[in-house]
Amino acid sequence: DVEMAWNKLRNQRIIAKAQSQIEKRARW
């Protein structure tokens, strides 16, 4: 699904975020 999503967003940089109910995902 990634390429289609990337092309739809059409931005030079994208933030990818794991979807999880844990807190402080960036730390992990």
mmCIF file of all heavy atoms, coordinates in Angstrom:
data_MODEL
# 
_entry.id   MODEL 
# 
loop_
_atom_site.group_PDB 
_atom_site.id 
_atom_site.type_symbol 
_atom_site.label_atom_id 
_atom_site.label_alt_id 
_atom_site.label_comp_id 
_atom_site.label_asym_id 
_atom_site.label_entity_id 
_atom_site.label_seq_id 
_atom_site.pdbx_PDB_ins_code 
_atom_site.Cartn_x 
_atom_site.Cartn_y 
_atom_site.Cartn_z 
_atom_site.occupancy 
_atom_site.B_iso_or_equiv 
_atom_site.pdbx_formal_charge 
_atom_site.auth_seq_id 
_atom_site.auth_comp_id 
_atom_site.auth_asym_id 
_atom_site.auth_atom_id 
_atom_site.pdbx_PDB_model_num 
ATOM 1   N N   . ASP A 1 1  ? 0.816  -1.226 0.000  1.00 0.00 ? 1  ASP A N   1 
ATOM 2   C CA  . ASP A 1 1  ? 0.000  0.000  0.000  1.00 0.00 ? 1  ASP A CA  1 
ATOM 3   C C   . ASP A 1 1  ? 0.843  1.267  0.000  1.00 0.00 ? 1  ASP A C   1 
ATOM 4   O O   . ASP A 1 1  ? 0.320  2.363  -0.226 1.00 0.00 ? 1  ASP A O   1 
ATOM 5   C CB  . ASP A 1 1  ? -0.890 0.039  1.261  1.00 0.00 ? 1  ASP A CB  1 
ATOM 6   C CG  . ASP A 1 1  ? -1.841 -1.133 1.361  1.00 0.00 ? 1  ASP A CG  1 
ATOM 7   O OD1 . ASP A 1 1  ? -2.252 -1.652 0.308  1.00 0.00 ? 1  ASP A OD1 1 
ATOM 8   O OD2 . ASP A 1 1  ? -2.177 -1.525 2.497  1.00 0.00 ? 1  ASP A OD2 1 
ATOM 9   N N   . VAL A 1 2  ? 2.142  1.129  0.262  1.00 0.00 ? 2  VAL A N   1 
ATOM 10  C CA  . VAL A 1 2  ? 2.971  2.302  0.555  1.00 0.00 ? 2  VAL A CA  1 
ATOM 11  C C   . VAL A 1 2  ? 3.138  3.203  -0.654 1.00 0.00 ? 2  VAL A C   1 
ATOM 12  O O   . VAL A 1 2  ? 3.000  4.434  -0.552 1.00 0.00 ? 2  VAL A O   1 
ATOM 13  C CB  . VAL A 1 2  ? 4.350  1.863  1.097  1.00 0.00 ? 2  VAL A CB  1 
ATOM 14  C CG1 . VAL A 1 2  ? 5.271  3.072  1.254  1.00 0.00 ? 2  VAL A CG1 1 
ATOM 15  C CG2 . VAL A 1 2  ? 4.192  1.146  2.425  1.00 0.00 ? 2  VAL A CG2 1 
ATOM 16  N N   . GLU A 1 3  ? 3.436  2.647  -1.819 1.00 0.00 ? 3  GLU A N   1 
ATOM 17  C CA  . GLU A 1 3  ? 3.711  3.487  -2.986 1.00 0.00 ? 3  GLU A CA  1 
ATOM 18  C C   . GLU A 1 3  ? 2.506  4.329  -3.365 1.00 0.00 ? 3  GLU A C   1 
ATOM 19  O O   . GLU A 1 3  ? 2.630  5.523  -3.675 1.00 0.00 ? 3  GLU A O   1 
ATOM 20  C CB  . GLU A 1 3  ? 4.155  2.624  -4.166 1.00 0.00 ? 3  GLU A CB  1 
ATOM 21  C CG  . GLU A 1 3  ? 4.579  3.453  -5.369 1.00 0.00 ? 3  GLU A CG  1 
ATOM 22  C CD  . GLU A 1 3  ? 5.305  2.641  -6.425 1.00 0.00 ? 3  GLU A CD  1 
ATOM 23  O OE1 . GLU A 1 3  ? 5.491  1.422  -6.209 1.00 0.00 ? 3  GLU A OE1 1 
ATOM 24  O OE2 . GLU A 1 3  ? 5.705  3.221  -7.449 1.00 0.00 ? 3  GLU A OE2 1 
ATOM 25  N N   . MET A 1 4  ? 1.319  3.735  -3.348 1.00 0.00 ? 4  MET A N   1 
ATOM 26  C CA  . MET A 1 4  ? 0.107  4.490  -3.679 1.00 0.00 ? 4  MET A CA  1 
ATOM 27  C C   . MET A 1 4  ? -0.111 5.620  -2.666 1.00 0.00 ? 4  MET A C   1 
ATOM 28  O O   . MET A 1 4  ? -0.433 6.753  -3.040 1.00 0.00 ? 4  MET A O   1 
ATOM 29  C CB  . MET A 1 4  ? -1.105 3.573  -3.695 1.00 0.00 ? 4  MET A CB  1 
ATOM 30  C CG  . MET A 1 4  ? -2.409 4.287  -4.060 1.00 0.00 ? 4  MET A CG  1 
ATOM 31  S SD  . MET A 1 4  ? -3.841 3.185  -4.104 1.00 0.00 ? 4  MET A SD  1 
ATOM 32  C CE  . MET A 1 4  ? -3.987 2.781  -2.354 1.00 0.00 ? 4  MET A CE  1 
ATOM 33  N N   . ALA A 1 5  ? 0.095  5.313  -1.378 1.00 0.00 ? 5  ALA A N   1 
ATOM 34  C CA  . ALA A 1 5  ? -0.076 6.333  -0.346 1.00 0.00 ? 5  ALA A CA  1 
ATOM 35  C C   . ALA A 1 5  ? 0.946  7.452  -0.517 1.00 0.00 ? 5  ALA A C   1 
ATOM 36  O O   . ALA A 1 5  ? 0.626  8.641  -0.399 1.00 0.00 ? 5  ALA A O   1 
ATOM 37  C CB  . ALA A 1 5  ? 0.053  5.695  1.032  1.00 0.00 ? 5  ALA A CB  1 
ATOM 38  N N   . TRP A 1 6  ? 2.196  7.082  -0.793 1.00 0.00 ? 6  TRP A N   1 
ATOM 39  C CA  . TRP A 1 6  ? 3.265  8.068  -0.997 1.00 0.00 ? 6  TRP A CA  1 
ATOM 40  C C   . TRP A 1 6  ? 2.918  9.015  -2.143 1.00 0.00 ? 6  TRP A C   1 
ATOM 41  O O   . TRP A 1 6  ? 3.068  10.239 -2.020 1.00 0.00 ? 6  TRP A O   1 
ATOM 42  C CB  . TRP A 1 6  ? 4.579  7.337  -1.269 1.00 0.00 ? 6  TRP A CB  1 
ATOM 43  C CG  . TRP A 1 6  ? 5.770  8.242  -1.410 1.00 0.00 ? 6  TRP A CG  1 
ATOM 44  C CD1 . TRP A 1 6  ? 6.151  8.935  -2.531 1.00 0.00 ? 6  TRP A CD1 1 
ATOM 45  C CD2 . TRP A 1 6  ? 6.724  8.570  -0.401 1.00 0.00 ? 6  TRP A CD2 1 
ATOM 46  N NE1 . TRP A 1 6  ? 7.281  9.662  -2.286 1.00 0.00 ? 6  TRP A NE1 1 
ATOM 47  C CE2 . TRP A 1 6  ? 7.649  9.461  -0.983 1.00 0.00 ? 6  TRP A CE2 1 
ATOM 48  C CE3 . TRP A 1 6  ? 6.885  8.193  0.938  1.00 0.00 ? 6  TRP A CE3 1 
ATOM 49  C CZ2 . TRP A 1 6  ? 8.732  9.980  -0.270 1.00 0.00 ? 6  TRP A CZ2 1 
ATOM 50  C CZ3 . TRP A 1 6  ? 7.961  8.713  1.638  1.00 0.00 ? 6  TRP A CZ3 1 
ATOM 51  C CH2 . TRP A 1 6  ? 8.874  9.594  1.036  1.00 0.00 ? 6  TRP A CH2 1 
ATOM 52  N N   . ASN A 1 7  ? 2.452  8.452  -3.240 1.00 0.00 ? 7  ASN A N   1 
ATOM 53  C CA  . ASN A 1 7  ? 2.118  9.272  -4.414 1.00 0.00 ? 7  ASN A CA  1 
ATOM 54  C C   . ASN A 1 7  ? 0.923  10.181 -4.140 1.00 0.00 ? 7  ASN A C   1 
ATOM 55  O O   . ASN A 1 7  ? 0.855  11.299 -4.661 1.00 0.00 ? 7  ASN A O   1 
ATOM 56  C CB  . ASN A 1 7  ? 1.837  8.367  -5.617 1.00 0.00 ? 7  ASN A CB  1 
ATOM 57  C CG  . ASN A 1 7  ? 3.084  7.665  -6.112 1.00 0.00 ? 7  ASN A CG  1 
ATOM 58  O OD1 . ASN A 1 7  ? 4.197  8.149  -5.931 1.00 0.00 ? 7  ASN A OD1 1 
ATOM 59  N ND2 . ASN A 1 7  ? 2.916  6.515  -6.741 1.00 0.00 ? 7  ASN A ND2 1 
ATOM 60  N N   . LYS A 1 8  ? -0.018 9.733  -3.342 1.00 0.00 ? 8  LYS A N   1 
ATOM 61  C CA  . LYS A 1 8  ? -1.177 10.562 -3.014 1.00 0.00 ? 8  LYS A CA  1 
ATOM 62  C C   . LYS A 1 8  ? -0.786 11.736 -2.117 1.00 0.00 ? 8  LYS A C   1 
ATOM 63  O O   . LYS A 1 8  ? -1.300 12.851 -2.275 1.00 0.00 ? 8  LYS A O   1 
ATOM 64  C CB  . LYS A 1 8  ? -2.252 9.721  -2.326 1.00 0.00 ? 8  LYS A CB  1 
ATOM 65  C CG  . LYS A 1 8  ? -3.082 8.874  -3.273 1.00 0.00 ? 8  LYS A CG  1 
ATOM 66  C CD  . LYS A 1 8  ? -4.225 8.202  -2.534 1.00 0.00 ? 8  LYS A CD  1 
ATOM 67  C CE  . LYS A 1 8  ? -5.121 7.437  -3.489 1.00 0.00 ? 8  LYS A CE  1 
ATOM 68  N NZ  . LYS A 1 8  ? -6.255 6.794  -2.779 1.00 0.00 ? 8  LYS A NZ  1 
ATOM 69  N N   . LEU A 1 9  ? 0.141  11.499 -1.199 1.00 0.00 ? 9  LEU A N   1 
ATOM 70  C CA  . LEU A 1 9  ? 0.562  12.568 -0.298 1.00 0.00 ? 9  LEU A CA  1 
ATOM 71  C C   . LEU A 1 9  ? 1.435  13.600 -1.004 1.00 0.00 ? 9  LEU A C   1 
ATOM 72  O O   . LEU A 1 9  ? 1.436  14.776 -0.659 1.00 0.00 ? 9  LEU A O   1 
ATOM 73  C CB  . LEU A 1 9  ? 1.311  11.975 0.903  1.00 0.00 ? 9  LEU A CB  1 
ATOM 74  C CG  . LEU A 1 9  ? 0.441  11.158 1.865  1.00 0.00 ? 9  LEU A CG  1 
ATOM 75  C CD1 . LEU A 1 9  ? 1.295  10.475 2.920  1.00 0.00 ? 9  LEU A CD1 1 
ATOM 76  C CD2 . LEU A 1 9  ? -0.612 12.029 2.533  1.00 0.00 ? 9  LEU A CD2 1 
ATOM 77  N N   . ARG A 1 10 ? 2.209  13.165 -1.964 1.00 0.00 ? 10 ARG A N   1 
ATOM 78  C CA  . ARG A 1 10 ? 3.032  14.051 -2.806 1.00 0.00 ? 10 ARG A CA  1 
ATOM 79  C C   . ARG A 1 10 ? 3.770  15.112 -1.987 1.00 0.00 ? 10 ARG A C   1 
ATOM 80  O O   . ARG A 1 10 ? 3.570  16.311 -2.160 1.00 0.00 ? 10 ARG A O   1 
ATOM 81  C CB  . ARG A 1 10 ? 2.170  14.711 -3.886 1.00 0.00 ? 10 ARG A CB  1 
ATOM 82  C CG  . ARG A 1 10 ? 1.739  13.756 -4.967 1.00 0.00 ? 10 ARG A CG  1 
ATOM 83  C CD  . ARG A 1 10 ? 1.137  14.474 -6.149 1.00 0.00 ? 10 ARG A CD  1 
ATOM 84  N NE  . ARG A 1 10 ? -0.204 14.954 -5.886 1.00 0.00 ? 10 ARG A NE  1 
ATOM 85  C CZ  . ARG A 1 10 ? -0.976 15.533 -6.789 1.00 0.00 ? 10 ARG A CZ  1 
ATOM 86  N NH1 . ARG A 1 10 ? -0.540 15.715 -8.012 1.00 0.00 ? 10 ARG A NH1 1 
ATOM 87  N NH2 . ARG A 1 10 ? -2.185 15.943 -6.478 1.00 0.00 ? 10 ARG A NH2 1 
ATOM 88  N N   . ASN A 1 11 ? 4.604  14.642 -1.097 1.00 0.00 ? 11 ASN A N   1 
ATOM 89  C CA  . ASN A 1 11 ? 5.379  15.546 -0.254 1.00 0.00 ? 11 ASN A CA  1 
ATOM 90  C C   . ASN A 1 11 ? 6.831  15.085 -0.235 1.00 0.00 ? 11 ASN A C   1 
ATOM 91  O O   . ASN A 1 11 ? 7.112  13.895 -0.387 1.00 0.00 ? 11 ASN A O   1 
ATOM 92  C CB  . ASN A 1 11 ? 4.823  15.558 1.177  1.00 0.00 ? 11 ASN A CB  1 
ATOM 93  C CG  . ASN A 1 11 ? 5.123  16.840 1.913  1.00 0.00 ? 11 ASN A CG  1 
ATOM 94  O OD1 . ASN A 1 11 ? 4.768  17.919 1.442  1.00 0.00 ? 11 ASN A OD1 1 
ATOM 95  N ND2 . ASN A 1 11 ? 5.760  16.734 3.058  1.00 0.00 ? 11 ASN A ND2 1 
ATOM 96  N N   . GLN A 1 12 ? 7.761  16.020 -0.065 1.00 0.00 ? 12 GLN A N   1 
ATOM 97  C CA  . GLN A 1 12 ? 9.170  15.643 -0.080 1.00 0.00 ? 12 GLN A CA  1 
ATOM 98  C C   . GLN A 1 12 ? 9.549  14.786 1.109  1.00 0.00 ? 12 GLN A C   1 
ATOM 99  O O   . GLN A 1 12 ? 10.420 13.927 1.024  1.00 0.00 ? 12 GLN A O   1 
ATOM 100 C CB  . GLN A 1 12 ? 10.045 16.902 -0.115 1.00 0.00 ? 12 GLN A CB  1 
ATOM 101 C CG  . GLN A 1 12 ? 9.979  17.644 -1.441 1.00 0.00 ? 12 GLN A CG  1 
ATOM 102 C CD  . GLN A 1 12 ? 10.923 18.833 -1.467 1.00 0.00 ? 12 GLN A CD  1 
ATOM 103 O OE1 . GLN A 1 12 ? 11.368 19.301 -0.430 1.00 0.00 ? 12 GLN A OE1 1 
ATOM 104 N NE2 . GLN A 1 12 ? 11.225 19.311 -2.663 1.00 0.00 ? 12 GLN A NE2 1 
ATOM 105 N N   . ARG A 1 13 ? 8.894  15.019 2.236  1.00 0.00 ? 13 ARG A N   1 
ATOM 106 C CA  . ARG A 1 13 ? 9.154  14.218 3.427  1.00 0.00 ? 13 ARG A CA  1 
ATOM 107 C C   . ARG A 1 13 ? 7.831  13.763 4.053  1.00 0.00 ? 13 ARG A C   1 
ATOM 108 O O   . ARG A 1 13 ? 6.851  14.511 4.049  1.00 0.00 ? 13 ARG A O   1 
ATOM 109 C CB  . ARG A 1 13 ? 9.983  15.009 4.446  1.00 0.00 ? 13 ARG A CB  1 
ATOM 110 C CG  . ARG A 1 13 ? 11.445 15.139 4.053  1.00 0.00 ? 13 ARG A CG  1 
ATOM 111 C CD  . ARG A 1 13 ? 12.259 15.793 5.162  1.00 0.00 ? 13 ARG A CD  1 
ATOM 112 N NE  . ARG A 1 13 ? 11.992 17.217 5.240  1.00 0.00 ? 13 ARG A NE  1 
ATOM 113 C CZ  . ARG A 1 13 ? 12.523 18.023 6.154  1.00 0.00 ? 13 ARG A CZ  1 
ATOM 114 N NH1 . ARG A 1 13 ? 13.319 17.531 7.087  1.00 0.00 ? 13 ARG A NH1 1 
ATOM 115 N NH2 . ARG A 1 13 ? 12.257 19.315 6.158  1.00 0.00 ? 13 ARG A NH2 1 
ATOM 116 N N   . ILE A 1 14 ? 7.861  12.551 4.571  1.00 0.00 ? 14 ILE A N   1 
ATOM 117 C CA  . ILE A 1 14 ? 6.676  11.942 5.167  1.00 0.00 ? 14 ILE A CA  1 
ATOM 118 C C   . ILE A 1 14 ? 7.044  11.449 6.561  1.00 0.00 ? 14 ILE A C   1 
ATOM 119 O O   . ILE A 1 14 ? 8.155  10.983 6.802  1.00 0.00 ? 14 ILE A O   1 
ATOM 120 C CB  . ILE A 1 14 ? 6.189  10.744 4.306  1.00 0.00 ? 14 ILE A CB  1 
ATOM 121 C CG1 . ILE A 1 14 ? 5.837  11.190 2.884  1.00 0.00 ? 14 ILE A CG1 1 
ATOM 122 C CG2 . ILE A 1 14 ? 5.013  10.040 4.969  1.00 0.00 ? 14 ILE A CG2 1 
ATOM 123 C CD1 . ILE A 1 14 ? 4.646  12.111 2.786  1.00 0.00 ? 14 ILE A CD1 1 
ATOM 124 N N   . ILE A 1 15 ? 6.093  11.535 7.480  1.00 0.00 ? 15 ILE A N   1 
ATOM 125 C CA  . ILE A 1 15 ? 6.275  10.934 8.798  1.00 0.00 ? 15 ILE A CA  1 
ATOM 126 C C   . ILE A 1 15 ? 5.550  9.592  8.808  1.00 0.00 ? 15 ILE A C   1 
ATOM 127 O O   . ILE A 1 15 ? 4.350  9.527  8.512  1.00 0.00 ? 15 ILE A O   1 
ATOM 128 C CB  . ILE A 1 15 ? 5.712  11.823 9.919  1.00 0.00 ? 15 ILE A CB  1 
ATOM 129 C CG1 . ILE A 1 15 ? 6.301  13.223 9.857  1.00 0.00 ? 15 ILE A CG1 1 
ATOM 130 C CG2 . ILE A 1 15 ? 5.995  11.201 11.280 1.00 0.00 ? 15 ILE A CG2 1 
ATOM 131 C CD1 . ILE A 1 15 ? 5.727  14.165 10.895 1.00 0.00 ? 15 ILE A CD1 1 
ATOM 132 N N   . ALA A 1 16 ? 6.280  8.537  9.105  1.00 0.00 ? 16 ALA A N   1 
ATOM 133 C CA  . ALA A 1 16 ? 5.686  7.205  9.249  1.00 0.00 ? 16 ALA A CA  1 
ATOM 134 C C   . ALA A 1 16 ? 5.527  6.909  10.730 1.00 0.00 ? 16 ALA A C   1 
ATOM 135 O O   . ALA A 1 16 ? 6.493  6.987  11.492 1.00 0.00 ? 16 ALA A O   1 
ATOM 136 C CB  . ALA A 1 16 ? 6.563  6.158  8.570  1.00 0.00 ? 16 ALA A CB  1 
ATOM 137 N N   . LYS A 1 17 ? 4.309  6.578  11.156 1.00 0.00 ? 17 LYS A N   1 
ATOM 138 C CA  . LYS A 1 17 ? 4.022  6.368  12.575 1.00 0.00 ? 17 LYS A CA  1 
ATOM 139 C C   . LYS A 1 17 ? 3.379  5.001  12.781 1.00 0.00 ? 17 LYS A C   1 
ATOM 140 O O   . LYS A 1 17 ? 2.291  4.732  12.246 1.00 0.00 ? 17 LYS A O   1 
ATOM 141 C CB  . LYS A 1 17 ? 3.061  7.448  13.091 1.00 0.00 ? 17 LYS A CB  1 
ATOM 142 C CG  . LYS A 1 17 ? 3.537  8.873  12.924 1.00 0.00 ? 17 LYS A CG  1 
ATOM 143 C CD  . LYS A 1 17 ? 2.473  9.839  13.432 1.00 0.00 ? 17 LYS A CD  1 
ATOM 144 C CE  . LYS A 1 17 ? 2.883  11.288 13.339 1.00 0.00 ? 17 LYS A CE  1 
ATOM 145 N NZ  . LYS A 1 17 ? 1.812  12.186 13.832 1.00 0.00 ? 17 LYS A NZ  1 
ATOM 146 N N   . ALA A 1 18 ? 4.047  4.157  13.545 1.00 0.00 ? 18 ALA A N   1 
ATOM 147 C CA  . ALA A 1 18 ? 3.447  2.875  13.909 1.00 0.00 ? 18 ALA A CA  1 
ATOM 148 C C   . ALA A 1 18 ? 2.160  3.128  14.683 1.00 0.00 ? 18 ALA A C   1 
ATOM 149 O O   . ALA A 1 18 ? 2.134  3.951  15.601 1.00 0.00 ? 18 ALA A O   1 
ATOM 150 C CB  . ALA A 1 18 ? 4.428  2.058  14.742 1.00 0.00 ? 18 ALA A CB  1 
ATOM 151 N N   . GLN A 1 19 ? 1.099  2.415  14.314 1.00 0.00 ? 19 GLN A N   1 
ATOM 152 C CA  . GLN A 1 19 ? -0.168 2.583  15.003 1.00 0.00 ? 19 GLN A CA  1 
ATOM 153 C C   . GLN A 1 19 ? -0.264 1.575  16.141 1.00 0.00 ? 19 GLN A C   1 
ATOM 154 O O   . GLN A 1 19 ? -0.413 0.368  15.929 1.00 0.00 ? 19 GLN A O   1 
ATOM 155 C CB  . GLN A 1 19 ? -1.333 2.437  14.026 1.00 0.00 ? 19 GLN A CB  1 
ATOM 156 C CG  . GLN A 1 19 ? -1.358 3.525  12.967 1.00 0.00 ? 19 GLN A CG  1 
ATOM 157 C CD  . GLN A 1 19 ? -1.503 4.913  13.581 1.00 0.00 ? 19 GLN A CD  1 
ATOM 158 O OE1 . GLN A 1 19 ? -2.602 5.340  13.927 1.00 0.00 ? 19 GLN A OE1 1 
ATOM 159 N NE2 . GLN A 1 19 ? -0.394 5.632  13.735 1.00 0.00 ? 19 GLN A NE2 1 
ATOM 160 N N   . SER A 1 20 ? -0.136 2.076  17.341 1.00 0.00 ? 20 SER A N   1 
ATOM 161 C CA  . SER A 1 20 ? -0.128 1.246  18.532 1.00 0.00 ? 20 SER A CA  1 
ATOM 162 C C   . SER A 1 20 ? -0.652 2.067  19.699 1.00 0.00 ? 20 SER A C   1 
ATOM 163 O O   . SER A 1 20 ? -0.523 3.296  19.705 1.00 0.00 ? 20 SER A O   1 
ATOM 164 C CB  . SER A 1 20 ? 1.298  0.749  18.837 1.00 0.00 ? 20 SER A CB  1 
ATOM 165 O OG  . SER A 1 20 ? 1.354  0.109  20.092 1.00 0.00 ? 20 SER A OG  1 
ATOM 166 N N   . GLN A 1 21 ? -1.262 1.420  20.660 1.00 0.00 ? 21 GLN A N   1 
ATOM 167 C CA  . GLN A 1 21 ? -1.787 2.128  21.817 1.00 0.00 ? 21 GLN A CA  1 
ATOM 168 C C   . GLN A 1 21 ? -0.728 2.379  22.884 1.00 0.00 ? 21 GLN A C   1 
ATOM 169 O O   . GLN A 1 21 ? -1.016 2.975  23.912 1.00 0.00 ? 21 GLN A O   1 
ATOM 170 C CB  . GLN A 1 21 ? -2.963 1.342  22.412 1.00 0.00 ? 21 GLN A CB  1 
ATOM 171 C CG  . GLN A 1 21 ? -4.180 1.336  21.496 1.00 0.00 ? 21 GLN A CG  1 
ATOM 172 C CD  . GLN A 1 21 ? -5.322 0.529  22.056 1.00 0.00 ? 21 GLN A CD  1 
ATOM 173 O OE1 . GLN A 1 21 ? -5.104 -0.409 22.816 1.00 0.00 ? 21 GLN A OE1 1 
ATOM 174 N NE2 . GLN A 1 21 ? -6.544 0.885  21.689 1.00 0.00 ? 21 GLN A NE2 1 
ATOM 175 N N   . ILE A 1 22 ? 0.504  1.949  22.626 1.00 0.00 ? 22 ILE A N   1 
ATOM 176 C CA  . ILE A 1 22 ? 1.575  2.239  23.572 1.00 0.00 ? 22 ILE A CA  1 
ATOM 177 C C   . ILE A 1 22 ? 1.898  3.723  23.532 1.00 0.00 ? 22 ILE A C   1 
ATOM 178 O O   . ILE A 1 22 ? 1.693  4.394  22.515 1.00 0.00 ? 22 ILE A O   1 
ATOM 179 C CB  . ILE A 1 22 ? 2.849  1.419  23.280 1.00 0.00 ? 22 ILE A CB  1 
ATOM 180 C CG1 . ILE A 1 22 ? 3.448  1.845  21.926 1.00 0.00 ? 22 ILE A CG1 1 
ATOM 181 C CG2 . ILE A 1 22 ? 2.574  -0.057 23.316 1.00 0.00 ? 22 ILE A CG2 1 
ATOM 182 C CD1 . ILE A 1 22 ? 4.855  1.349  21.727 1.00 0.00 ? 22 ILE A CD1 1 
ATOM 183 N N   . GLU A 1 23 ? 2.391  4.238  24.637 1.00 0.00 ? 23 GLU A N   1 
ATOM 184 C CA  . GLU A 1 23 ? 2.767  5.644  24.714 1.00 0.00 ? 23 GLU A CA  1 
ATOM 185 C C   . GLU A 1 23 ? 4.220  5.825  24.269 1.00 0.00 ? 23 GLU A C   1 
ATOM 186 O O   . GLU A 1 23 ? 5.020  4.899  24.286 1.00 0.00 ? 23 GLU A O   1 
ATOM 187 C CB  . GLU A 1 23 ? 2.582  6.165  26.139 1.00 0.00 ? 23 GLU A CB  1 
ATOM 188 C CG  . GLU A 1 23 ? 1.135  6.109  26.611 1.00 0.00 ? 23 GLU A CG  1 
ATOM 189 C CD  . GLU A 1 23 ? 0.980  6.597  28.031 1.00 0.00 ? 23 GLU A CD  1 
ATOM 190 O OE1 . GLU A 1 23 ? 2.006  6.810  28.700 1.00 0.00 ? 23 GLU A OE1 1 
ATOM 191 O OE2 . GLU A 1 23 ? -0.171 6.749  28.474 1.00 0.00 ? 23 GLU A OE2 1 
ATOM 192 N N   . LYS A 1 24 ? 4.540  7.030  23.859 1.00 0.00 ? 24 LYS A N   1 
ATOM 193 C CA  . LYS A 1 24 ? 5.926  7.405  23.543 1.00 0.00 ? 24 LYS A CA  1 
ATOM 194 C C   . LYS A 1 24 ? 6.523  6.516  22.456 1.00 0.00 ? 24 LYS A C   1 
ATOM 195 O O   . LYS A 1 24 ? 7.609  5.966  22.585 1.00 0.00 ? 24 LYS A O   1 
ATOM 196 C CB  . LYS A 1 24 ? 6.784  7.384  24.805 1.00 0.00 ? 24 LYS A CB  1 
ATOM 197 C CG  . LYS A 1 24 ? 6.159  8.112  25.984 1.00 0.00 ? 24 LYS A CG  1 
ATOM 198 C CD  . LYS A 1 24 ? 6.907  7.853  27.258 1.00 0.00 ? 24 LYS A CD  1 
ATOM 199 C CE  . LYS A 1 24 ? 6.163  8.398  28.456 1.00 0.00 ? 24 LYS A CE  1 
ATOM 200 N NZ  . LYS A 1 24 ? 4.921  7.669  28.753 1.00 0.00 ? 24 LYS A NZ  1 
ATOM 201 N N   . ARG A 1 25 ? 5.795  6.363  21.335 1.00 0.00 ? 25 ARG A N   1 
ATOM 202 C CA  . ARG A 1 25 ? 6.268  5.501  20.239 1.00 0.00 ? 25 ARG A CA  1 
ATOM 203 C C   . ARG A 1 25 ? 7.621  5.926  19.708 1.00 0.00 ? 25 ARG A C   1 
ATOM 204 O O   . ARG A 1 25 ? 8.426  5.100  19.296 1.00 0.00 ? 25 ARG A O   1 
ATOM 205 C CB  . ARG A 1 25 ? 5.250  5.522  19.085 1.00 0.00 ? 25 ARG A CB  1 
ATOM 206 C CG  . ARG A 1 25 ? 3.972  4.787  19.351 1.00 0.00 ? 25 ARG A CG  1 
ATOM 207 C CD  . ARG A 1 25 ? 2.935  5.139  18.312 1.00 0.00 ? 25 ARG A CD  1 
ATOM 208 N NE  . ARG A 1 25 ? 2.607  6.560  18.372 1.00 0.00 ? 25 ARG A NE  1 
ATOM 209 C CZ  . ARG A 1 25 ? 1.929  7.191  17.424 1.00 0.00 ? 25 ARG A CZ  1 
ATOM 210 N NH1 . ARG A 1 25 ? 1.562  6.556  16.334 1.00 0.00 ? 25 ARG A NH1 1 
ATOM 211 N NH2 . ARG A 1 25 ? 1.648  8.466  17.547 1.00 0.00 ? 25 ARG A NH2 1 
ATOM 212 N N   . ALA A 1 26 ? 7.869  7.240  19.685 1.00 0.00 ? 26 ALA A N   1 
ATOM 213 C CA  . ALA A 1 26 ? 9.143  7.722  19.118 1.00 0.00 ? 26 ALA A CA  1 
ATOM 214 C C   . ALA A 1 26 ? 10.328 7.162  19.901 1.00 0.00 ? 26 ALA A C   1 
ATOM 215 O O   . ALA A 1 26 ? 11.357 6.816  19.308 1.00 0.00 ? 26 ALA A O   1 
ATOM 216 C CB  . ALA A 1 26 ? 9.176  9.245  19.122 1.00 0.00 ? 26 ALA A CB  1 
ATOM 217 N N   . ARG A 1 27 ? 10.181 7.061  21.205 1.00 0.00 ? 27 ARG A N   1 
ATOM 218 C CA  . ARG A 1 27 ? 11.276 6.539  22.033 1.00 0.00 ? 27 ARG A CA  1 
ATOM 219 C C   . ARG A 1 27 ? 11.622 5.110  21.635 1.00 0.00 ? 27 ARG A C   1 
ATOM 220 O O   . ARG A 1 27 ? 12.778 4.699  21.674 1.00 0.00 ? 27 ARG A O   1 
ATOM 221 C CB  . ARG A 1 27 ? 10.885 6.593  23.501 1.00 0.00 ? 27 ARG A CB  1 
ATOM 222 C CG  . ARG A 1 27 ? 11.815 5.781  24.386 1.00 0.00 ? 27 ARG A CG  1 
ATOM 223 C CD  . ARG A 1 27 ? 11.381 5.793  25.831 1.00 0.00 ? 27 ARG A CD  1 
ATOM 224 N NE  . ARG A 1 27 ? 11.708 7.052  26.474 1.00 0.00 ? 27 ARG A NE  1 
ATOM 225 C CZ  . ARG A 1 27 ? 11.580 7.248  27.794 1.00 0.00 ? 27 ARG A CZ  1 
ATOM 226 N NH1 . ARG A 1 27 ? 11.128 6.284  28.555 1.00 0.00 ? 27 ARG A NH1 1 
ATOM 227 N NH2 . ARG A 1 27 ? 11.904 8.406  28.330 1.00 0.00 ? 27 ARG A NH2 1 
ATOM 228 N N   . TRP A 1 28 ? 10.606 4.329  21.242 1.00 0.00 ? 28 TRP A N   1 
ATOM 229 C CA  . TRP A 1 28 ? 10.812 2.914  20.938 1.00 0.00 ? 28 TRP A CA  1 
ATOM 230 C C   . TRP A 1 28 ? 10.988 2.659  19.448 1.00 0.00 ? 28 TRP A C   1 
ATOM 231 O O   . TRP A 1 28 ? 10.892 1.518  18.997 1.00 0.00 ? 28 TRP A O   1 
ATOM 232 C CB  . TRP A 1 28 ? 9.636  2.098  21.484 1.00 0.00 ? 28 TRP A CB  1 
ATOM 233 C CG  . TRP A 1 28 ? 9.364  2.363  22.926 1.00 0.00 ? 28 TRP A CG  1 
ATOM 234 C CD1 . TRP A 1 28 ? 8.273  2.988  23.452 1.00 0.00 ? 28 TRP A CD1 1 
ATOM 235 C CD2 . TRP A 1 28 ? 10.206 2.033  24.035 1.00 0.00 ? 28 TRP A CD2 1 
ATOM 236 N NE1 . TRP A 1 28 ? 8.369  3.081  24.820 1.00 0.00 ? 28 TRP A NE1 1 
ATOM 237 C CE2 . TRP A 1 28 ? 9.542  2.496  25.206 1.00 0.00 ? 28 TRP A CE2 1 
ATOM 238 C CE3 . TRP A 1 28 ? 11.443 1.398  24.162 1.00 0.00 ? 28 TRP A CE3 1 
ATOM 239 C CZ2 . TRP A 1 28 ? 10.095 2.340  26.474 1.00 0.00 ? 28 TRP A CZ2 1 
ATOM 240 C CZ3 . TRP A 1 28 ? 11.977 1.245  25.434 1.00 0.00 ? 28 TRP A CZ3 1 
ATOM 241 C CH2 . TRP A 1 28 ? 11.307 1.704  26.556 1.00 0.00 ? 28 TRP A CH2 1 
# 
